[in-house]
Protein backbone atom coordinates (compact mmCIF):
# COMPACT_ATOMS: atom_id res chain seq x y z
CA UNK A 1 -15.36 16.01 -12.32
CA UNK A 2 -13.60 19.18 -12.72
CA UNK A 3 -9.92 19.27 -11.47
CA UNK A 4 -10.73 22.11 -9.10
CA UNK A 5 -13.39 20.05 -7.18
CA UNK A 6 -10.65 17.53 -6.23
CA UNK A 7 -9.07 20.09 -3.82
CA UNK A 8 -12.01 20.23 -1.37
CA UNK A 9 -12.51 16.40 -1.94
CA UNK A 10 -8.94 15.56 -0.83
CA UNK A 11 -9.21 18.06 1.97
CA UNK A 12 -12.37 16.26 3.33
CA UNK A 13 -10.79 12.96 2.90
CA UNK A 14 -7.90 13.94 5.28
CA UNK A 15 -10.54 14.33 7.96
CA UNK A 16 -12.59 11.36 7.10
CA UNK A 17 -12.08 8.19 9.32
CA UNK A 18 -13.51 6.03 6.55
CA UNK A 19 -11.00 7.12 3.80
CA UNK A 20 -7.31 6.58 3.43
CA UNK A 21 -5.26 9.26 1.61
CA UNK A 22 -2.34 7.75 -0.40
CA UNK A 23 0.52 10.03 -1.28
CA UNK A 24 3.01 8.72 -3.66
CA UNK A 25 3.52 5.84 -6.10
CA UNK A 26 4.80 3.33 -3.38
CA UNK A 27 1.85 3.92 -1.15
CA UNK A 28 -0.57 3.26 -4.12
CA UNK A 29 1.38 0.20 -5.12
CA UNK A 30 1.08 -1.33 -1.66
CA UNK A 31 -2.51 -0.44 -1.35
CA UNK A 32 -3.31 -2.13 -4.79
CA UNK A 33 -1.03 -4.98 -4.16
CA UNK A 34 -2.80 -5.90 -0.77
CA UNK A 35 -6.41 -5.56 -2.13
CA UNK A 36 -7.37 -1.97 -1.29
CA UNK A 37 -10.57 -0.65 -2.69
CA UNK A 38 -9.04 2.42 -4.47
CA UNK A 39 -11.71 4.88 -5.77
CA UNK A 40 -9.64 7.81 -7.10
CA UNK A 41 -6.03 8.00 -8.60
CA UNK A 42 -4.75 11.40 -9.84
CA UNK A 43 -1.34 12.22 -11.42
CA UNK A 44 0.09 15.37 -12.84
CA UNK A 45 1.99 13.28 -15.55
CA UNK A 46 0.53 10.18 -16.83
CA UNK A 47 3.54 9.20 -18.92
CA UNK A 48 5.86 9.63 -16.01
CA UNK A 49 3.56 7.50 -13.93
CA UNK A 50 3.50 4.76 -16.58
CA UNK A 51 7.27 4.87 -16.51
CA UNK A 52 7.46 4.55 -12.81
CA UNK A 53 4.91 1.93 -12.44
CA UNK A 54 6.57 -0.31 -15.12
CA UNK A 55 9.83 0.09 -13.18
CA UNK A 56 8.74 -0.02 -9.53
CA UNK A 57 5.35 -1.75 -9.51
CA UNK A 58 5.00 -3.85 -12.66
CA UNK A 59 2.56 -6.32 -10.87
CA UNK A 60 -0.08 -3.49 -10.48
CA UNK A 61 0.99 -1.07 -13.06
CA UNK A 62 -1.97 -1.93 -15.40
CA UNK A 63 -4.50 -1.41 -12.56
CA UNK A 64 -2.79 1.73 -11.61
CA UNK A 65 -2.93 3.27 -15.05
CA UNK A 66 -6.55 2.04 -15.51
CA UNK A 67 -7.53 4.04 -12.47
CA UNK A 68 -5.24 7.18 -13.03
CA UNK A 69 -6.46 10.48 -14.22
CA UNK A 70 -4.08 13.32 -15.31
CA UNK A 71 -4.77 16.66 -13.74
CA UNK A 72 -3.24 20.01 -13.95
CA UNK A 73 -0.12 20.21 -11.98
CA UNK A 74 -1.08 23.38 -9.95
CA UNK A 75 -4.25 21.51 -8.86
CA UNK A 76 -2.30 18.37 -7.93
CA UNK A 77 0.11 20.53 -5.86
CA UNK A 78 -2.73 21.52 -3.63
CA UNK A 79 -4.05 18.10 -2.86
CA UNK A 80 -1.50 17.67 0.08
CA UNK A 81 0.62 20.04 2.33
CA UNK A 82 3.70 18.59 0.55
CA UNK A 83 3.14 17.26 -2.92
CA UNK A 84 4.76 13.97 -3.47
CA UNK A 85 7.64 13.84 -5.94
CA UNK A 86 6.38 10.79 -7.74
CA UNK A 87 3.34 12.84 -8.94
CA UNK A 88 0.49 10.61 -7.95
CA UNK A 89 -2.08 10.41 -5.16
CA UNK A 90 -5.14 8.39 -4.53
CA UNK A 91 -8.01 7.81 -2.20
CA UNK A 92 -9.06 4.44 -0.86
CA UNK A 93 -11.50 2.78 1.50
CA UNK A 94 -10.08 1.96 4.86
CA UNK A 95 -10.73 -1.60 5.72
CA UNK A 96 -12.82 -2.32 8.91
CA UNK A 97 -10.74 -3.71 11.72
CA UNK A 98 -12.13 -4.97 15.13
CA UNK A 99 -9.35 -4.40 17.48
CA UNK A 100 -10.77 -6.62 20.17
CA UNK A 101 -11.25 -9.50 17.77
CA UNK A 102 -7.59 -8.98 16.75
CA UNK A 103 -6.50 -9.23 20.46
CA UNK A 104 -8.49 -12.57 20.71
CA UNK A 105 -7.23 -13.98 17.31
CA UNK A 106 -5.06 -16.93 17.35
CA UNK A 107 -2.69 -15.86 14.44
CA UNK A 108 0.74 -17.38 15.40
CA UNK A 109 2.64 -13.90 15.08
CA UNK A 110 3.17 -11.10 17.44
CA UNK A 111 0.75 -8.17 17.76
CA UNK A 112 2.31 -4.72 18.23
CA UNK A 113 0.78 -2.34 20.54
CA UNK A 114 1.84 1.29 20.64
CA UNK A 115 0.79 3.28 23.62
CA UNK A 116 0.08 6.83 22.77
CA UNK A 117 2.54 7.31 19.92
CA UNK A 118 3.12 11.03 19.29
CA UNK A 119 4.81 11.22 15.94
CA UNK A 120 2.74 10.27 12.88
CA UNK A 121 5.65 9.55 10.67
CA UNK A 122 7.20 7.38 13.11
CA UNK A 123 3.85 5.60 13.68
CA UNK A 124 3.78 4.73 10.03
CA UNK A 125 7.21 3.47 10.04
CA UNK A 126 6.11 1.13 12.81
CA UNK A 127 3.36 -0.26 10.61
CA UNK A 128 5.94 -0.50 7.71
CA UNK A 129 8.31 -2.73 9.89
CA UNK A 130 5.41 -4.73 11.19
CA UNK A 131 4.28 -5.50 7.72
CA UNK A 132 7.70 -6.49 6.72
CA UNK A 133 8.11 -8.76 9.56
CA UNK A 134 4.63 -10.32 8.93
CA UNK A 135 3.29 -9.22 12.36
CA UNK A 136 -0.40 -10.05 13.25
CA UNK A 137 -1.39 -6.31 13.35
CA UNK A 138 -0.61 -2.84 14.93
CA UNK A 139 -2.84 -1.49 17.57
CA UNK A 140 -2.52 2.07 18.95
CA UNK A 141 -3.83 3.93 21.92
CA UNK A 142 -4.17 7.77 22.35
CA UNK A 143 -5.67 10.46 20.34
CA UNK A 144 -3.77 10.08 17.04
CA UNK A 145 -5.38 8.25 14.25
CA UNK A 146 -3.03 5.57 13.02
CA UNK A 147 -4.58 5.97 9.54
CA UNK A 148 -3.70 9.66 9.37
CA UNK A 149 -2.16 10.67 5.87
CA UNK A 150 1.14 11.41 7.48
CA UNK A 151 1.24 7.88 9.08
CA UNK A 152 0.23 6.27 5.72
CA UNK A 153 3.01 8.28 4.14
CA UNK A 154 5.48 6.93 6.57
CA UNK A 155 4.25 3.50 6.04
CA UNK A 156 4.23 3.76 2.27
CA UNK A 157 0.67 2.46 2.26
CA UNK A 158 1.49 -0.79 4.02
CA UNK A 159 -1.46 -0.33 6.41
CA UNK A 160 -3.31 -2.50 3.89
CA UNK A 161 -0.84 -5.41 4.44
CA UNK A 162 -2.06 -6.17 7.96
CA UNK A 163 -4.68 -4.96 10.42
CA UNK A 164 -4.06 -1.48 11.88
CA UNK A 165 -6.57 0.07 14.33
CA UNK A 166 -6.81 2.37 17.31
CA UNK A 167 -8.08 1.21 20.55
CA UNK A 168 -10.99 3.23 21.72
CA UNK A 169 -11.24 1.54 25.20
CA UNK A 170 -8.01 0.67 26.75
CA UNK A 171 -9.48 -0.75 30.09
CA UNK A 172 -11.26 -3.45 28.22
CA UNK A 173 -8.08 -4.93 26.89
CA UNK A 174 -8.32 -8.65 26.95
CA UNK A 175 -5.61 -11.13 28.03
CA UNK A 176 -6.18 -13.88 25.60
CA UNK A 177 -2.71 -13.37 24.26
CA UNK A 178 0.30 -13.31 26.54
CA UNK A 179 1.58 -9.83 27.04
CA UNK A 180 5.29 -8.48 27.07
CA UNK A 181 6.22 -5.01 27.89
CA UNK A 182 9.35 -3.78 26.06
CA UNK A 183 11.14 -1.67 28.66
CA UNK A 184 14.68 -0.57 29.34
CA UNK A 185 14.45 -2.07 32.88
CA UNK A 186 13.27 -5.48 31.66
CA UNK A 187 15.07 -8.69 31.38
CA UNK A 188 17.36 -9.12 28.39
CA UNK A 189 15.47 -10.03 25.30
CA UNK A 190 15.54 -13.74 24.42
CA UNK A 191 13.78 -13.88 20.90
CA UNK A 192 13.47 -17.54 20.92
CA UNK A 193 11.44 -17.58 24.05
CA UNK A 194 8.74 -15.16 22.72
CA UNK A 195 5.62 -16.96 22.30
CA UNK A 196 4.27 -16.47 18.80
CA UNK A 197 1.05 -14.83 19.71
CA UNK A 198 2.54 -12.43 22.06
CA UNK A 199 1.40 -8.80 22.48
CA UNK A 200 4.44 -6.61 22.36
CA UNK A 201 3.66 -3.47 24.02
CA UNK A 202 5.85 -0.28 23.44
CA UNK A 203 5.56 3.04 25.04
CA UNK A 204 6.68 6.54 24.25
CA UNK A 205 10.49 7.19 23.85
CA UNK A 206 10.51 9.76 26.60
CA UNK A 207 8.10 8.08 29.23
CA UNK A 208 7.88 4.35 28.36
CA UNK A 209 4.74 2.44 29.19
CA UNK A 210 2.09 3.66 31.43
CA UNK A 211 1.66 1.66 34.78
CA UNK A 212 -1.82 0.72 33.57
CA UNK A 213 -0.45 -1.29 30.50
CA UNK A 214 2.85 -2.42 31.99
CA UNK A 215 0.80 -3.99 34.92
CA UNK A 216 -0.91 -6.19 32.27
CA UNK A 217 2.33 -7.76 31.09
CA UNK A 218 3.44 -11.17 32.24
CA UNK A 219 7.09 -10.10 31.71
CA UNK A 220 9.12 -7.15 30.56
CA UNK A 221 11.99 -7.38 28.19
CA UNK A 222 14.82 -4.85 27.20
CA UNK A 223 16.76 -4.48 24.03
CA UNK A 224 20.46 -4.88 24.52
CA UNK A 225 22.22 -1.58 23.73
CA UNK A 226 25.59 -0.02 24.34
CA UNK A 227 26.05 1.70 27.67
CA UNK A 228 25.17 5.41 27.74
CA UNK A 229 22.64 5.17 24.94
CA UNK A 230 19.43 5.95 26.68
CA UNK A 231 16.76 4.86 24.14
CA UNK A 232 16.00 3.80 20.61
CA UNK A 233 13.59 5.47 18.11
CA UNK A 234 10.10 3.85 18.44
CA UNK A 235 10.20 2.38 15.03
CA UNK A 236 13.80 1.13 15.50
CA UNK A 237 12.81 -0.60 18.70
CA UNK A 238 9.79 -2.29 17.05
CA UNK A 239 12.05 -3.42 14.28
CA UNK A 240 14.60 -4.85 16.50
CA UNK A 241 12.19 -6.93 18.60
CA UNK A 242 10.17 -8.26 15.56
CA UNK A 243 13.12 -9.30 13.45
CA UNK A 244 14.87 -10.74 16.48
CA UNK A 245 11.62 -12.86 16.98
CA UNK A 246 11.41 -13.71 13.15
CA UNK A 247 15.06 -14.67 12.79
CA UNK A 248 15.31 -16.77 16.08
CA UNK A 249 15.06 -20.47 16.22
CA UNK A 250 11.67 -21.16 17.67
CA UNK A 251 11.30 -22.85 21.09
CA UNK A 252 8.36 -23.16 23.63
CA UNK A 253 7.87 -20.15 25.54
CA UNK A 254 7.73 -20.13 29.31
CA UNK A 255 4.95 -17.64 28.96
CA UNK A 256 2.74 -19.77 26.94
C-alpha cells in the first residue's frame, strides 16, 4: 500500500460507523489493552514510537510495534485535522453493542445515559470517566456519534473498555433498571443509596434533561455545589456522581 492511499482511507474511516479512528499513543494503547481488533497502525517515526511505547505502554508495546508501519511525515500530518503529537494513528473495528440488551443487563454497576450531548470532546471525557469508574456502559441520544474520532480522542480510546452506543429509538427505552435523573432541582445526592444497576441520566449543561426522559426516573438527585455556581461541565458531573457511588459504603437502595 502506498503512503498516499492512506489519506483517502483515513478520510473514509472518519465517516464509517463500523470503524474507530484512533489518534495518539494512548488511544491505541487502550484499544489494544482492551482487546480491539486493530487493522492499521501508522507512525511518522518508528523509533520514537518504540521509545514512547516502552515508557508508557509496556504491556502492549510489542503488539503495537508489530502492527506499526512508518510513513512519510507529510502524509501522516494529513490523516487527521490535527496531527497527534505522539506521531501514531490507527484504525480498529468498532465492537457491536446492543443498547437495549445493555439496558436489560444485570451488571451491578451504574449505566450512564447522556441525553443529546453536544460537545464531542466532552462526550469522550464522559466515556473516559465511566471507564475509570468501572461503569456498566455509556449510552447517548441525539444525532452525534459517540464513536466519532473527536470523542475517541477525548476518551483516549477507552471506548473499548466498556460498552458505548447511541440509542436509535428513545421511546422504546425499557425500565428493567431503576432510573435516576441528575438534575439541579433534585434531592441531594446520597451515594450510598444508589442501587448498583441504576441508570444515571444526564442532560445538557444548558437545558438539562428533557421532560420525556425525566418522567421515566423514579427519583432525581442533585450534586451539592457552592451557592451561585449554576452548573458543572457534563464530564465533571458524570465523574462526581460515579466516583461518589464507587467510594460510598454500599447499602440497600430504597429504589431497588
